[in-house]
Amino acid sequence: MIAHRLSTIQEADRIIVLDKGRIIEDGTHDGLLAAGGHYSHLFNTYFRHQSPDYRPGQAAEAERDLELAGASSR
């Protein structure tokens, strides 16, 4: 699967992070977060409002909340 939404890929068995067509990271969601690289930076930037007690599924909930908030402000 190819996805741009972090909540879509976080449950994948393997995540490959590309930058300008080159593989820069490869691993599981938890492994990439622990590595502190590009994926971790993107994830933490996007979901910085989450608590340190992050659990899988919260990302999708947060994205839905953001989408609903954006739709209601139009």
PDB file of N, CA and C in Angstrom:
ATOM      1  N   MET A   1       0.849  -1.169   0.000  1.00  0.00           N
ATOM      2  CA  MET A   1       0.000   0.000   0.000  1.00  0.00           C
ATOM      3  C   MET A   1       0.892   1.228   0.000  1.00  0.00           C
ATOM      4  N   ILE A   2       0.438   2.247  -0.646  1.00  0.00           N
ATOM      5  CA  ILE A   2       1.101   3.546  -0.607  1.00  0.00           C
ATOM      6  C   ILE A   2       0.128   4.501   0.055  1.00  0.00           C
ATOM      7  N   ALA A   3       0.593   5.217   1.060  1.00  0.00           N
ATOM      8  CA  ALA A   3      -0.309   6.112   1.790  1.00  0.00           C
ATOM      9  C   ALA A   3       0.436   7.366   2.221  1.00  0.00           C
ATOM     10  N   HIS A   4      -0.309   8.432   2.334  1.00  0.00           N
ATOM     11  CA  HIS A   4       0.239   9.688   2.829  1.00  0.00           C
ATOM     12  C   HIS A   4      -0.250   9.986   4.243  1.00  0.00           C
ATOM     13  N   ARG A   5      -1.317   9.313   4.654  1.00  0.00           N
ATOM     14  CA  ARG A   5      -1.872   9.533   5.991  1.00  0.00           C
ATOM     15  C   ARG A   5      -1.187   8.602   6.984  1.00  0.00           C
ATOM     16  N   LEU A   6      -0.652   9.176   8.019  1.00  0.00           N
ATOM     17  CA  LEU A   6       0.074   8.383   9.011  1.00  0.00           C
ATOM     18  C   LEU A   6      -0.819   7.368   9.701  1.00  0.00           C
ATOM     19  N   SER A   7      -2.080   7.699   9.915  1.00  0.00           N
ATOM     20  CA  SER A   7      -2.974   6.752  10.586  1.00  0.00           C
ATOM     21  C   SER A   7      -3.244   5.536   9.711  1.00  0.00           C
ATOM     22  N   THR A   8      -3.117   5.682   8.406  1.00  0.00           N
ATOM     23  CA  THR A   8      -3.347   4.567   7.492  1.00  0.00           C
ATOM     24  C   THR A   8      -2.225   3.542   7.592  1.00  0.00           C
ATOM     25  N   ILE A   9      -1.010   3.990   7.766  1.00  0.00           N
ATOM     26  CA  ILE A   9       0.132   3.080   7.712  1.00  0.00           C
ATOM     27  C   ILE A   9       0.621   2.579   9.062  1.00  0.00           C
ATOM     28  N   GLN A  10       0.169   3.161  10.148  1.00  0.00           N
ATOM     29  CA  GLN A  10       0.752   2.801  11.446  1.00  0.00           C
ATOM     30  C   GLN A  10       0.531   1.344  11.836  1.00  0.00           C
ATOM     31  N   GLU A  11      -0.478   0.687  11.299  1.00  0.00           N
ATOM     32  CA  GLU A  11      -0.725  -0.721  11.623  1.00  0.00           C
ATOM     33  C   GLU A  11      -0.054  -1.674  10.634  1.00  0.00           C
ATOM     34  N   ALA A  12       0.645  -1.135   9.637  1.00  0.00           N
ATOM     35  CA  ALA A  12       1.315  -1.978   8.641  1.00  0.00           C
ATOM     36  C   ALA A  12       2.422  -2.804   9.293  1.00  0.00           C
ATOM     37  N   ASP A  13       2.686  -3.984   8.729  1.00  0.00           N
ATOM     38  CA  ASP A  13       3.764  -4.834   9.232  1.00  0.00           C
ATOM     39  C   ASP A  13       5.132  -4.210   8.985  1.00  0.00           C
ATOM     40  N   ARG A  14       5.230  -3.468   7.896  1.00  0.00           N
ATOM     41  CA  ARG A  14       6.505  -2.848   7.525  1.00  0.00           C
ATOM     42  C   ARG A  14       6.210  -1.501   6.874  1.00  0.00           C
ATOM     43  N   ILE A  15       6.932  -0.490   7.278  1.00  0.00           N
ATOM     44  CA  ILE A  15       6.777   0.858   6.729  1.00  0.00           C
ATOM     45  C   ILE A  15       8.114   1.251   6.107  1.00  0.00           C
ATOM     46  N   ILE A  16       8.041   1.723   4.871  1.00  0.00           N
ATOM     47  CA  ILE A  16       9.234   2.205   4.182  1.00  0.00           C
ATOM     48  C   ILE A  16       9.044   3.696   3.965  1.00  0.00           C
ATOM     49  N   VAL A  17       9.971   4.484   4.465  1.00  0.00           N
ATOM     50  CA  VAL A  17       9.894   5.940   4.348  1.00  0.00           C
ATOM     51  C   VAL A  17      10.791   6.368   3.190  1.00  0.00           C
ATOM     52  N   LEU A  18      10.191   7.102   2.251  1.00  0.00           N
ATOM     53  CA  LEU A  18      10.922   7.574   1.078  1.00  0.00           C
ATOM     54  C   LEU A  18      11.142   9.075   1.154  1.00  0.00           C
ATOM     55  N   ASP A  19      12.253   9.520   0.621  1.00  0.00           N
ATOM     56  CA  ASP A  19      12.520  10.945   0.457  1.00  0.00           C
ATOM     57  C   ASP A  19      13.149  11.117  -0.917  1.00  0.00           C
ATOM     58  N   LYS A  20      12.456  11.820  -1.792  1.00  0.00           N
ATOM     59  CA  LYS A  20      12.924  12.029  -3.169  1.00  0.00           C
ATOM     60  C   LYS A  20      13.229  10.708  -3.858  1.00  0.00           C
ATOM     61  N   GLY A  21      12.376   9.703  -3.617  1.00  0.00           N
ATOM     62  CA  GLY A  21      12.509   8.409  -4.275  1.00  0.00           C
ATOM     63  C   GLY A  21      13.515   7.463  -3.657  1.00  0.00           C
ATOM     64  N   ARG A  22      14.161   7.861  -2.580  1.00  0.00           N
ATOM     65  CA  ARG A  22      15.152   7.013  -1.913  1.00  0.00           C
ATOM     66  C   ARG A  22      14.618   6.548  -0.568  1.00  0.00           C
ATOM     67  N   ILE A  23      14.900   5.302  -0.229  1.00  0.00           N
ATOM     68  CA  ILE A  23      14.499   4.765   1.067  1.00  0.00           C
ATOM     69  C   ILE A  23      15.409   5.372   2.132  1.00  0.00           C
ATOM     70  N   ILE A  24      14.777   6.041   3.104  1.00  0.00           N
ATOM     71  CA  ILE A  24      15.577   6.637   4.181  1.00  0.00           C
ATOM     72  C   ILE A  24      15.341   5.948   5.524  1.00  0.00           C
ATOM     73  N   GLU A  25      14.216   5.219   5.636  1.00  0.00           N
ATOM     74  CA  GLU A  25      13.930   4.462   6.859  1.00  0.00           C
ATOM     75  C   GLU A  25      13.067   3.264   6.502  1.00  0.00           C
ATOM     76  N   ASP A  26      13.131   2.245   7.341  1.00  0.00           N
ATOM     77  CA  ASP A  26      12.389   1.018   7.097  1.00  0.00           C
ATOM     78  C   ASP A  26      12.170   0.338   8.444  1.00  0.00           C
ATOM     79  N   GLY A  27      10.930  -0.017   8.729  1.00  0.00           N
ATOM     80  CA  GLY A  27      10.658  -0.715   9.979  1.00  0.00           C
ATOM     81  C   GLY A  27       9.188  -0.706  10.333  1.00  0.00           C
ATOM     82  N   THR A  28       8.900  -1.068  11.562  1.00  0.00           N
ATOM     83  CA  THR A  28       7.525  -1.021  12.061  1.00  0.00           C
ATOM     84  C   THR A  28       7.247   0.379  12.600  1.00  0.00           C
ATOM     85  N   HIS A  29       5.978   0.658  12.838  1.00  0.00           N
ATOM     86  CA  HIS A  29       5.590   1.949  13.402  1.00  0.00           C
ATOM     87  C   HIS A  29       6.343   2.206  14.711  1.00  0.00           C
ATOM     88  N   ASP A  30       6.280   1.246  15.626  1.00  0.00           N
ATOM     89  CA  ASP A  30       6.942   1.422  16.926  1.00  0.00           C
ATOM     90  C   ASP A  30       8.458   1.548  16.782  1.00  0.00           C
ATOM     91  N   GLY A  31       9.040   0.741  15.905  1.00  0.00           N
ATOM     92  CA  GLY A  31      10.480   0.798  15.694  1.00  0.00           C
ATOM     93  C   GLY A  31      10.927   2.128  15.114  1.00  0.00           C
ATOM     94  N   LEU A  32      10.150   2.642  14.161  1.00  0.00           N
ATOM     95  CA  LEU A  32      10.496   3.925  13.551  1.00  0.00           C
ATOM     96  C   LEU A  32      10.317   5.073  14.537  1.00  0.00           C
ATOM     97  N   LEU A  33       9.306   4.990  15.387  1.00  0.00           N
ATOM     98  CA  LEU A  33       9.144   6.021  16.420  1.00  0.00           C
ATOM     99  C   LEU A  33      10.326   5.997  17.380  1.00  0.00           C
ATOM    100  N   ALA A  34      10.724   4.799  17.789  1.00  0.00           N
ATOM    101  CA  ALA A  34      11.836   4.662  18.735  1.00  0.00           C
ATOM    102  C   ALA A  34      13.157   5.139  18.131  1.00  0.00           C
ATOM    103  N   ALA A  35      13.306   5.002  16.817  1.00  0.00           N
ATOM    104  CA  ALA A  35      14.549   5.401  16.152  1.00  0.00           C
ATOM    105  C   ALA A  35      14.733   6.915  16.136  1.00  0.00           C
ATOM    106  N   GLY A  36      13.626   7.651  16.241  1.00  0.00           N
ATOM    107  CA  GLY A  36      13.722   9.103  16.303  1.00  0.00           C
ATOM    108  C   GLY A  36      14.108   9.784  15.000  1.00  0.00           C
ATOM    109  N   GLY A  37      13.867   9.129  13.877  1.00  0.00           N
ATOM    110  CA  GLY A  37      14.229   9.700  12.582  1.00  0.00           C
ATOM    111  C   GLY A  37      13.112  10.506  11.936  1.00  0.00           C
ATOM    112  N   HIS A  38      13.095  10.489  10.620  1.00  0.00           N
ATOM    113  CA  HIS A  38      12.150  11.284   9.836  1.00  0.00           C
ATOM    114  C   HIS A  38      10.695  10.897  10.135  1.00  0.00           C
ATOM    115  N   TYR A  39      10.407   9.587  10.149  1.00  0.00           N
ATOM    116  CA  TYR A  39       9.044   9.130  10.430  1.00  0.00           C
ATOM    117  C   TYR A  39       8.599   9.609  11.810  1.00  0.00           C
ATOM    118  N   SER A  40       9.458   9.451  12.783  1.00  0.00           N
ATOM    119  CA  SER A  40       9.141   9.882  14.147  1.00  0.00           C
ATOM    120  C   SER A  40       8.860  11.377  14.193  1.00  0.00           C
ATOM    121  N   HIS A  41       9.674  12.151  13.503  1.00  0.00           N
ATOM    122  CA  HIS A  41       9.480  13.603  13.464  1.00  0.00           C
ATOM    123  C   HIS A  41       8.132  13.945  12.828  1.00  0.00           C
ATOM    124  N   LEU A  42       7.818  13.314  11.701  1.00  0.00           N
ATOM    125  CA  LEU A  42       6.531  13.567  11.046  1.00  0.00           C
ATOM    126  C   LEU A  42       5.370  13.200  11.963  1.00  0.00           C
ATOM    127  N   PHE A  43       5.453  12.022  12.561  1.00  0.00           N
ATOM    128  CA  PHE A  43       4.376  11.542  13.419  1.00  0.00           C
ATOM    129  C   PHE A  43       4.189  12.465  14.617  1.00  0.00           C
ATOM    130  N   ASN A  44       5.281  12.811  15.274  1.00  0.00           N
ATOM    131  CA  ASN A  44       5.185  13.660  16.463  1.00  0.00           C
ATOM    132  C   ASN A  44       4.731  15.069  16.127  1.00  0.00           C
ATOM    133  N   THR A  45       5.110  15.573  14.965  1.00  0.00           N
ATOM    134  CA  THR A  45       4.647  16.888  14.537  1.00  0.00           C
ATOM    135  C   THR A  45       3.146  16.863  14.284  1.00  0.00           C
ATOM    136  N   TYR A  46       2.684  15.832  13.600  1.00  0.00           N
ATOM    137  CA  TYR A  46       1.265  15.736  13.246  1.00  0.00           C
ATOM    138  C   TYR A  46       0.389  15.472  14.467  1.00  0.00           C
ATOM    139  N   PHE A  47       0.888  14.650  15.386  1.00  0.00           N
ATOM    140  CA  PHE A  47       0.077  14.245  16.540  1.00  0.00           C
ATOM    141  C   PHE A  47       0.630  14.773  17.857  1.00  0.00           C
ATOM    142  N   ARG A  48       1.250  15.931  17.838  1.00  0.00           N
ATOM    143  CA  ARG A  48       1.897  16.462  19.048  1.00  0.00           C
ATOM    144  C   ARG A  48       0.926  16.712  20.193  1.00  0.00           C
ATOM    145  N   HIS A  49      -0.349  16.857  19.900  1.00  0.00           N
ATOM    146  CA  HIS A  49      -1.339  17.119  20.947  1.00  0.00           C
ATOM    147  C   HIS A  49      -1.685  15.864  21.737  1.00  0.00           C
ATOM    148  N   GLN A  50      -1.177  14.701  21.310  1.00  0.00           N
ATOM    149  CA  GLN A  50      -1.481  13.456  22.013  1.00  0.00           C
ATOM    150  C   GLN A  50      -0.645  13.332  23.281  1.00  0.00           C
ATOM    151  N   SER A  51      -1.139  12.561  24.200  1.00  0.00           N
ATOM    152  CA  SER A  51      -0.417  12.323  25.449  1.00  0.00           C
ATOM    153  C   SER A  51       0.728  11.340  25.213  1.00  0.00           C
ATOM    154  N   PRO A  52       1.668  11.255  26.145  1.00  0.00           N
ATOM    155  CA  PRO A  52       2.744  10.263  26.034  1.00  0.00           C
ATOM    156  C   PRO A  52       2.219   8.832  26.129  1.00  0.00           C
ATOM    157  N   ASP A  53       0.984   8.668  26.558  1.00  0.00           N
ATOM    158  CA  ASP A  53       0.377   7.344  26.679  1.00  0.00           C
ATOM    159  C   ASP A  53      -0.268   6.925  25.371  1.00  0.00           C
ATOM    160  N   TYR A  54       0.336   7.296  24.250  1.00  0.00           N
ATOM    161  CA  TYR A  54      -0.191   6.990  22.929  1.00  0.00           C
ATOM    162  C   TYR A  54      -0.521   5.504  22.802  1.00  0.00           C
ATOM    163  N   ARG A  55      -1.631   5.220  22.169  1.00  0.00           N
ATOM    164  CA  ARG A  55      -2.002   3.842  21.861  1.00  0.00           C
ATOM    165  C   ARG A  55      -2.429   3.781  20.400  1.00  0.00           C
ATOM    166  N   PRO A  56      -2.164   2.653  19.715  1.00  0.00           N
ATOM    167  CA  PRO A  56      -2.592   2.532  18.328  1.00  0.00           C
ATOM    168  C   PRO A  56      -4.088   2.804  18.210  1.00  0.00           C
ATOM    169  N   GLY A  57      -4.469   3.482  17.170  1.00  0.00           N
ATOM    170  CA  GLY A  57      -5.867   3.846  16.971  1.00  0.00           C
ATOM    171  C   GLY A  57      -6.121   5.297  17.320  1.00  0.00           C
ATOM    172  N   GLN A  58      -5.334   5.867  18.212  1.00  0.00           N
ATOM    173  CA  GLN A  58      -5.527   7.268  18.571  1.00  0.00           C
ATOM    174  C   GLN A  58      -5.242   8.175  17.387  1.00  0.00           C
ATOM    175  N   ALA A  59      -4.299   7.789  16.550  1.00  0.00           N
ATOM    176  CA  ALA A  59      -3.968   8.626  15.397  1.00  0.00           C
ATOM    177  C   ALA A  59      -5.168   8.764  14.480  1.00  0.00           C
ATOM    178  N   ALA A  60      -5.852   7.668  14.212  1.00  0.00           N
ATOM    179  CA  ALA A  60      -7.034   7.721  13.350  1.00  0.00           C
ATOM    180  C   ALA A  60      -8.117   8.568  13.994  1.00  0.00           C
ATOM    181  N   GLU A  61      -8.290   8.429  15.301  1.00  0.00           N
ATOM    182  CA  GLU A  61      -9.287   9.234  16.013  1.00  0.00           C
ATOM    183  C   GLU A  61      -8.934  10.715  15.926  1.00  0.00           C
ATOM    184  N   ALA A  62      -7.665  11.035  16.093  1.00  0.00           N
ATOM    185  CA  ALA A  62      -7.227  12.431  16.031  1.00  0.00           C
ATOM    186  C   ALA A  62      -7.436  13.004  14.638  1.00  0.00           C
ATOM    187  N   GLU A  63      -7.145  12.219  13.600  1.00  0.00           N
ATOM    188  CA  GLU A  63      -7.362  12.693  12.232  1.00  0.00           C
ATOM    189  C   GLU A  63      -8.836  12.955  11.979  1.00  0.00           C
ATOM    190  N   ARG A  64      -9.703  12.055  12.446  1.00  0.00           N
ATOM    191  CA  ARG A  64     -11.151  12.256  12.272  1.00  0.00           C
ATOM    192  C   ARG A  64     -11.591  13.523  12.987  1.00  0.00           C
ATOM    193  N   ASP A  65     -11.087  13.738  14.197  1.00  0.00           N
ATOM    194  CA  ASP A  65     -11.442  14.947  14.946  1.00  0.00           C
ATOM    195  C   ASP A  65     -11.004  16.201  14.195  1.00  0.00           C
ATOM    196  N   LEU A  66      -9.783  16.171  13.637  1.00  0.00           N
ATOM    197  CA  LEU A  66      -9.292  17.321  12.881  1.00  0.00           C
ATOM    198  C   LEU A  66     -10.130  17.560  11.633  1.00  0.00           C
ATOM    199  N   GLU A  67     -10.503  16.479  10.942  1.00  0.00           N
ATOM    200  CA  GLU A  67     -11.325  16.618   9.744  1.00  0.00           C
ATOM    201  C   GLU A  67     -12.698  17.172  10.094  1.00  0.00           C
ATOM    202  N   LEU A  68     -13.285  16.684  11.182  1.00  0.00           N
ATOM    203  CA  LEU A  68     -14.602  17.171  11.604  1.00  0.00           C
ATOM    204  C   LEU A  68     -14.524  18.632  12.020  1.00  0.00           C
ATOM    205  N   ALA A  69     -13.461  19.000  12.712  1.00  0.00           N
ATOM    206  CA  ALA A  69     -13.301  20.392  13.135  1.00  0.00           C
ATOM    207  C   ALA A  69     -13.161  21.299  11.920  1.00  0.00           C
ATOM    208  N   GLY A  70     -12.410  20.849  10.925  1.00  0.00           N
ATOM    209  CA  GLY A  70     -12.247  21.634   9.707  1.00  0.00           C
ATOM    210  C   GLY A  70     -13.548  21.773   8.945  1.00  0.00           C
ATOM    211  N   ALA A  71     -14.337  20.708   8.899  1.00  0.00           N
ATOM    212  CA  ALA A  71     -15.613  20.744   8.185  1.00  0.00           C
ATOM    213  C   ALA A  71     -16.611  21.648   8.892  1.00  0.00           C
ATOM    214  N   SER A  72     -16.593  21.659  10.214  1.00  0.00           N
ATOM    215  CA  SER A  72     -17.566  22.471  10.951  1.00  0.00           C
ATOM    216  C   SER A  72     -17.209  23.951  10.943  1.00  0.00           C
ATOM    217  N   SER A  73     -15.945  24.279  10.629  1.00  0.00           N
ATOM    218  CA  SER A  73     -15.551  25.687  10.622  1.00  0.00           C
ATOM    219  C   SER A  73     -15.760  26.342   9.256  1.00  0.00           C
ATOM    220  N   ARG A  74     -16.223  25.559   8.289  1.00  0.00           N
ATOM    221  CA  ARG A  74     -16.436  26.105   6.935  1.00  0.00           C
ATOM    222  C   ARG A  74     -17.746  26.816   6.823  1.00  0.00           C
TER     223      ARG A  74
END
